[in-house]
C-alpha atoms as a PDB file:
ATOM      1  CA  MET A   1      27.476 -71.294  52.949  1.00  0.00           C
ATOM      2  CA  ASP A   2      29.822 -73.699  51.172  1.00  0.00           C
ATOM      3  CA  GLY A   3      30.449 -71.047  48.541  1.00  0.00           C
ATOM      4  CA  LEU A   4      31.537 -68.592  51.224  1.00  0.00           C
ATOM      5  CA  LYS A   5      33.908 -71.118  52.836  1.00  0.00           C
ATOM      6  CA  LYS A   6      35.450 -71.800  49.436  1.00  0.00           C
ATOM      7  CA  LYS A   7      35.803 -68.081  48.755  1.00  0.00           C
ATOM      8  CA  ILE A   8      37.511 -67.533  52.119  1.00  0.00           C
ATOM      9  CA  CYS A   9      39.963 -70.387  51.548  1.00  0.00           C
ATOM     10  CA  ASN A  10      40.702 -69.413  47.959  1.00  0.00           C
ATOM     11  CA  TYR A  11      41.430 -65.823  48.977  1.00  0.00           C
ATOM     12  CA  ILE A  12      43.736 -66.840  51.826  1.00  0.00           C
ATOM     13  CA  ALA A  13      45.489 -69.362  49.577  1.00  0.00           C
ATOM     14  CA  SER A  14      46.052 -67.057  46.625  1.00  0.00           C
ATOM     15  CA  GLU A  15      46.716 -63.777  48.385  1.00  0.00           C
ATOM     16  CA  TRP A  16      48.583 -64.861  51.497  1.00  0.00           C
ATOM     17  CA  ILE A  17      49.779 -68.468  51.608  1.00  0.00           C
ATOM     18  CA  ARG A  18      51.190 -68.695  48.083  1.00  0.00           C
ATOM     19  CA  LYS A  19      52.984 -65.384  48.598  1.00  0.00           C
ATOM     20  CA  SER A  20      54.606 -66.516  51.846  1.00  0.00           C
ATOM     21  CA  LYS A  21      58.047 -68.092  52.115  1.00  0.00           C
ATOM     22  CA  SER A  22      56.578 -71.557  52.744  1.00  0.00           C
ATOM     23  CA  ASN A  23      53.480 -73.295  54.057  1.00  0.00           C
ATOM     24  CA  ARG A  24      55.332 -74.052  57.268  1.00  0.00           C
ATOM     25  CA  GLN A  25      56.335 -70.423  57.743  1.00  0.00           C
ATOM     26  CA  PHE A  26      52.782 -69.211  57.093  1.00  0.00           C
ATOM     27  CA  ALA A  27      51.469 -71.662  59.690  1.00  0.00           C
ATOM     28  CA  LYS A  28      54.070 -70.572  62.222  1.00  0.00           C
ATOM     29  CA  ASP A  29      53.498 -66.860  61.599  1.00  0.00           C
ATOM     30  CA  HIS A  30      49.726 -67.226  61.950  1.00  0.00           C
ATOM     31  CA  ALA A  31      49.630 -69.629  64.935  1.00  0.00           C
ATOM     32  CA  ILE A  32      47.895 -72.429  63.034  1.00  0.00           C
ATOM     33  CA  ASP A  33      48.825 -76.005  62.231  1.00  0.00           C
ATOM     34  CA  GLU A  34      50.543 -76.696  58.911  1.00  0.00           C
ATOM     35  CA  LYS A  35      47.871 -79.326  58.246  1.00  0.00           C
ATOM     36  CA  LEU A  36      45.290 -76.508  58.139  1.00  0.00           C
ATOM     37  CA  VAL A  37      47.397 -74.634  55.603  1.00  0.00           C
ATOM     38  CA  ARG A  38      47.414 -77.680  53.319  1.00  0.00           C
ATOM     39  CA  ARG A  39      43.632 -78.004  53.641  1.00  0.00           C
ATOM     40  CA  ILE A  40      43.129 -74.332  52.796  1.00  0.00           C
ATOM     41  CA  LEU A  41      45.277 -74.795  49.686  1.00  0.00           C
ATOM     42  CA  LYS A  42      43.071 -77.549  48.246  1.00  0.00           C
ATOM     43  CA  PRO A  43      41.510 -76.359  44.959  1.00  0.00           C
ATOM     44  CA  GLU A  44      37.990 -77.161  46.130  1.00  0.00           C
ATOM     45  CA  GLY A  45      38.562 -75.189  49.299  1.00  0.00           C
ATOM     46  CA  SER A  46      38.130 -76.583  52.753  1.00  0.00           C
ATOM     47  CA  GLY A  47      36.005 -75.682  55.681  1.00  0.00           C
ATOM     48  CA  ILE A  48      37.818 -73.147  57.812  1.00  0.00           C
ATOM     49  CA  SER A  49      36.784 -72.638  61.389  1.00  0.00           C
ATOM     50  CA  LEU A  50      36.060 -69.244  62.813  1.00  0.00           C
ATOM     51  CA  THR A  51      38.895 -69.788  65.295  1.00  0.00           C
ATOM     52  CA  THR A  52      41.378 -70.345  62.469  1.00  0.00           C
ATOM     53  CA  LEU A  53      40.136 -67.298  60.610  1.00  0.00           C
ATOM     54  CA  GLU A  54      40.426 -65.242  63.808  1.00  0.00           C
ATOM     55  CA  ARG A  55      44.020 -66.365  64.320  1.00  0.00           C
ATOM     56  CA  ILE A  56      44.975 -65.517  60.750  1.00  0.00           C
ATOM     57  CA  CYS A  57      43.317 -62.105  60.941  1.00  0.00           C
ATOM     58  CA  GLU A  58      44.879 -61.387  64.328  1.00  0.00           C
ATOM     59  CA  ALA A  59      48.340 -62.244  62.995  1.00  0.00           C
ATOM     60  CA  ARG A  60      47.730 -59.905  60.059  1.00  0.00           C
ATOM     61  CA  GLU A  61      46.431 -57.238  62.417  1.00  0.00           C
ATOM     62  CA  ILE A  62      43.065 -56.912  60.720  1.00  0.00           C
ATOM     63  CA  LYS A  63      39.530 -57.348  62.010  1.00  0.00           C
ATOM     64  CA  ILE A  64      37.367 -60.150  60.678  1.00  0.00           C
ATOM     65  CA  SER A  65      34.977 -57.528  59.337  1.00  0.00           C
ATOM     66  CA  GLU A  66      37.861 -56.021  57.346  1.00  0.00           C
ATOM     67  CA  PHE A  67      38.683 -59.458  55.975  1.00  0.00           C
ATOM     68  CA  PHE A  68      35.120 -59.921  54.729  1.00  0.00           C
ATOM     69  CA  GLN A  69      35.296 -56.508  53.053  1.00  0.00           C
ATOM     70  CA  MET A  70      38.498 -57.609  51.340  1.00  0.00           C
ATOM     71  CA  ILE A  71      36.808 -60.668  49.839  1.00  0.00           C
ATOM     72  CA  GLY A  72      33.670 -58.750  48.948  1.00  0.00           C
ATOM     73  CA  GLU A  73      31.264 -60.303  51.440  1.00  0.00           C
END
């Protein structure tokens, strides 16, 4: 399970957060706290709650199932 959490965080960090204008803007656009963005960006990955993942997916207008297809899970 820890490997999956790390994979989720690493994907969000590399594909979405680092390509956004700023960490603060990503947090604002995705209705999450900036503190969570910093935790996701940690190299070792961080645990991400289902609620946070739902908010990010909702802001991106994708289903969670589509997200898991994107990361190959």
